[in-house]
Each structure stands twice: as C-alpha cells, then as structure tokens.
Amino acid sequence: LGVKESHQMAIFRIIAAILHLGNLEIQSERDGDACSVSSEDEHLNSFCGLLGVEHSQMQHWLCHRK
C-alpha cells in the first residue's frame, strides 16, 4: 500500500493499545456511582507503555468525567 514502515509501526502500536484498553477491567463502586481501575492491571500498563502516557493520569481520567 506504500505505507512507510515507521508509519506502519505507529499504526500497529495504536491498534494494540486500543485492544489492551478493551481488555481493561473497570470495577464499579458505590452502587454504580463511581468506578476504579486497578493500578496493577496488566492491560493498563501495556496501554500506557504503548502510547507513552502517564499511568496514574490514565487511571484517574478513565474513571472521571471532567
């Protein structure tokens, strides 16, 4: 298709991160009013590593609306 190898790797990294995000386990708290993500979740670790984002920030913002 004429896509450079560096672009292909970036695309694969994004797709892999999205697939890991789909496997993330989010626990409901307080009768469904809140949620949390385990800091030791291997899929969250992989997601953050692939995209180069901070683990604590991603863990926080996956469970907060603002």
N, C-alpha and C. Protein backbone atom coordinates (compact mmCIF):
# COMPACT_ATOMS: atom_id res chain seq x y z
N LEU A 1 0.81 -1.20 0.00
CA LEU A 1 0.00 0.00 0.00
C LEU A 1 0.85 1.26 0.00
N GLY A 2 2.14 1.13 0.12
CA GLY A 2 3.01 2.28 0.08
C GLY A 2 3.15 3.02 1.40
N VAL A 3 2.78 2.37 2.50
CA VAL A 3 2.90 2.99 3.82
C VAL A 3 4.30 2.70 4.35
N LYS A 4 4.97 3.75 4.80
CA LYS A 4 6.33 3.58 5.32
C LYS A 4 6.30 2.68 6.55
N GLU A 5 7.40 1.97 6.76
CA GLU A 5 7.50 1.04 7.88
C GLU A 5 7.33 1.76 9.22
N SER A 6 7.86 2.96 9.34
CA SER A 6 7.72 3.70 10.60
C SER A 6 6.25 4.05 10.87
N HIS A 7 5.50 4.38 9.82
CA HIS A 7 4.08 4.66 9.97
C HIS A 7 3.31 3.39 10.31
N GLN A 8 3.70 2.28 9.70
CA GLN A 8 3.06 1.01 10.00
C GLN A 8 3.21 0.66 11.47
N MET A 9 4.42 0.85 12.01
CA MET A 9 4.66 0.53 13.41
C MET A 9 3.83 1.43 14.33
N ALA A 10 3.68 2.68 13.97
CA ALA A 10 2.85 3.60 14.77
C ALA A 10 1.39 3.16 14.74
N ILE A 11 0.92 2.75 13.57
CA ILE A 11 -0.46 2.27 13.45
C ILE A 11 -0.65 1.00 14.27
N PHE A 12 0.30 0.06 14.19
CA PHE A 12 0.20 -1.18 14.96
C PHE A 12 0.22 -0.91 16.46
N ARG A 13 1.02 0.08 16.88
CA ARG A 13 1.11 0.42 18.30
C ARG A 13 -0.22 0.98 18.78
N ILE A 14 -0.86 1.83 17.99
CA ILE A 14 -2.15 2.40 18.36
C ILE A 14 -3.23 1.32 18.41
N ILE A 15 -3.24 0.44 17.44
CA ILE A 15 -4.22 -0.65 17.42
C ILE A 15 -4.03 -1.58 18.62
N ALA A 16 -2.79 -1.90 18.93
CA ALA A 16 -2.50 -2.76 20.09
C ALA A 16 -2.96 -2.09 21.38
N ALA A 17 -2.75 -0.77 21.49
CA ALA A 17 -3.18 -0.05 22.68
C ALA A 17 -4.70 -0.08 22.82
N ILE A 18 -5.40 0.11 21.72
CA ILE A 18 -6.86 0.07 21.75
C ILE A 18 -7.36 -1.32 22.17
N LEU A 19 -6.72 -2.36 21.66
CA LEU A 19 -7.11 -3.72 22.04
C LEU A 19 -6.86 -3.97 23.53
N HIS A 20 -5.75 -3.46 24.07
CA HIS A 20 -5.49 -3.60 25.50
C HIS A 20 -6.52 -2.81 26.31
N LEU A 21 -6.90 -1.64 25.83
CA LEU A 21 -7.90 -0.84 26.53
C LEU A 21 -9.23 -1.57 26.60
N GLY A 22 -9.56 -2.33 25.57
CA GLY A 22 -10.79 -3.12 25.56
C GLY A 22 -10.78 -4.24 26.57
N ASN A 23 -9.61 -4.70 26.99
CA ASN A 23 -9.50 -5.77 27.98
C ASN A 23 -9.37 -5.25 29.40
N LEU A 24 -9.35 -3.94 29.56
CA LEU A 24 -9.20 -3.32 30.87
C LEU A 24 -10.40 -3.66 31.75
N GLU A 25 -10.14 -3.99 33.00
CA GLU A 25 -11.22 -4.34 33.92
C GLU A 25 -11.51 -3.15 34.83
N ILE A 26 -12.71 -2.61 34.70
CA ILE A 26 -13.14 -1.45 35.49
C ILE A 26 -14.13 -1.95 36.53
N GLN A 27 -13.84 -1.66 37.81
CA GLN A 27 -14.69 -2.11 38.90
C GLN A 27 -15.66 -1.01 39.29
N SER A 28 -16.91 -1.38 39.49
CA SER A 28 -17.93 -0.45 39.93
C SER A 28 -17.86 -0.28 41.44
N GLU A 29 -18.10 0.94 41.90
CA GLU A 29 -18.11 1.24 43.33
C GLU A 29 -19.35 2.05 43.68
N ARG A 30 -19.76 2.00 44.92
CA ARG A 30 -20.88 2.79 45.45
C ARG A 30 -22.12 2.66 44.58
N ASP A 31 -22.59 1.46 44.39
CA ASP A 31 -23.82 1.20 43.63
C ASP A 31 -23.81 1.79 42.22
N GLY A 32 -22.66 1.78 41.59
CA GLY A 32 -22.56 2.24 40.21
C GLY A 32 -22.32 3.73 40.05
N ASP A 33 -22.19 4.48 41.15
CA ASP A 33 -21.95 5.92 41.06
C ASP A 33 -20.49 6.25 40.76
N ALA A 34 -19.61 5.33 41.00
CA ALA A 34 -18.18 5.57 40.78
C ALA A 34 -17.54 4.29 40.26
N CYS A 35 -16.31 4.41 39.80
CA CYS A 35 -15.59 3.24 39.33
C CYS A 35 -14.11 3.40 39.64
N SER A 36 -13.38 2.31 39.47
CA SER A 36 -11.93 2.36 39.68
C SER A 36 -11.27 1.34 38.76
N VAL A 37 -9.99 1.58 38.54
CA VAL A 37 -9.17 0.67 37.74
C VAL A 37 -7.99 0.28 38.61
N SER A 38 -7.70 -1.00 38.68
CA SER A 38 -6.58 -1.47 39.48
C SER A 38 -5.27 -0.92 38.93
N SER A 39 -4.41 -0.44 39.82
CA SER A 39 -3.13 0.10 39.37
C SER A 39 -2.20 -1.00 38.87
N GLU A 40 -2.52 -2.25 39.18
CA GLU A 40 -1.70 -3.37 38.75
C GLU A 40 -2.26 -4.10 37.53
N ASP A 41 -3.28 -3.52 36.90
CA ASP A 41 -3.89 -4.14 35.72
C ASP A 41 -2.86 -4.18 34.59
N GLU A 42 -2.56 -5.38 34.10
CA GLU A 42 -1.54 -5.54 33.06
C GLU A 42 -1.93 -4.86 31.75
N HIS A 43 -3.22 -4.78 31.47
CA HIS A 43 -3.66 -4.15 30.22
C HIS A 43 -3.49 -2.63 30.29
N LEU A 44 -3.73 -2.05 31.47
CA LEU A 44 -3.49 -0.62 31.63
C LEU A 44 -2.01 -0.31 31.50
N ASN A 45 -1.17 -1.15 32.07
CA ASN A 45 0.27 -0.97 31.95
C ASN A 45 0.72 -1.04 30.49
N SER A 46 0.19 -2.00 29.76
CA SER A 46 0.55 -2.14 28.34
C SER A 46 0.06 -0.95 27.54
N PHE A 47 -1.17 -0.53 27.80
CA PHE A 47 -1.77 0.61 27.11
C PHE A 47 -0.90 1.86 27.28
N CYS A 48 -0.55 2.15 28.53
CA CYS A 48 0.25 3.34 28.83
C CYS A 48 1.65 3.23 28.22
N GLY A 49 2.23 2.05 28.26
CA GLY A 49 3.55 1.86 27.67
C GLY A 49 3.55 2.05 26.16
N LEU A 50 2.52 1.56 25.50
CA LEU A 50 2.44 1.66 24.05
C LEU A 50 2.24 3.10 23.58
N LEU A 51 1.44 3.86 24.32
CA LEU A 51 1.14 5.22 23.90
C LEU A 51 2.02 6.27 24.58
N GLY A 52 2.78 5.86 25.59
CA GLY A 52 3.67 6.80 26.26
C GLY A 52 2.95 7.80 27.13
N VAL A 53 1.87 7.38 27.77
CA VAL A 53 1.13 8.27 28.66
C VAL A 53 1.38 7.86 30.11
N GLU A 54 1.15 8.81 31.02
CA GLU A 54 1.37 8.54 32.43
C GLU A 54 0.31 7.59 32.97
N HIS A 55 0.77 6.58 33.66
CA HIS A 55 -0.10 5.55 34.22
C HIS A 55 -1.12 6.14 35.18
N SER A 56 -0.68 6.95 36.12
CA SER A 56 -1.59 7.49 37.14
C SER A 56 -2.64 8.41 36.52
N GLN A 57 -2.24 9.20 35.53
CA GLN A 57 -3.19 10.10 34.87
C GLN A 57 -4.25 9.31 34.10
N MET A 58 -3.82 8.29 33.38
CA MET A 58 -4.78 7.48 32.62
C MET A 58 -5.73 6.74 33.56
N GLN A 59 -5.19 6.22 34.65
CA GLN A 59 -6.02 5.53 35.63
C GLN A 59 -7.07 6.48 36.20
N HIS A 60 -6.69 7.72 36.46
CA HIS A 60 -7.62 8.72 37.00
C HIS A 60 -8.68 9.10 35.97
N TRP A 61 -8.27 9.46 34.76
CA TRP A 61 -9.19 10.00 33.78
C TRP A 61 -10.09 8.96 33.12
N LEU A 62 -9.77 7.70 33.25
CA LEU A 62 -10.70 6.67 32.76
C LEU A 62 -11.94 6.58 33.64
N CYS A 63 -11.84 7.09 34.87
CA CYS A 63 -12.94 6.97 35.83
C CYS A 63 -13.57 8.31 36.22
N HIS A 64 -13.14 9.41 35.59
CA HIS A 64 -13.71 10.72 35.91
C HIS A 64 -14.17 11.40 34.63
N ARG A 65 -15.26 12.10 34.72
CA ARG A 65 -15.88 12.68 33.53
C ARG A 65 -15.27 14.01 33.11
N LYS A 66 -14.76 14.79 34.06
CA LYS A 66 -14.26 16.12 33.73
C LYS A 66 -12.81 16.07 33.37
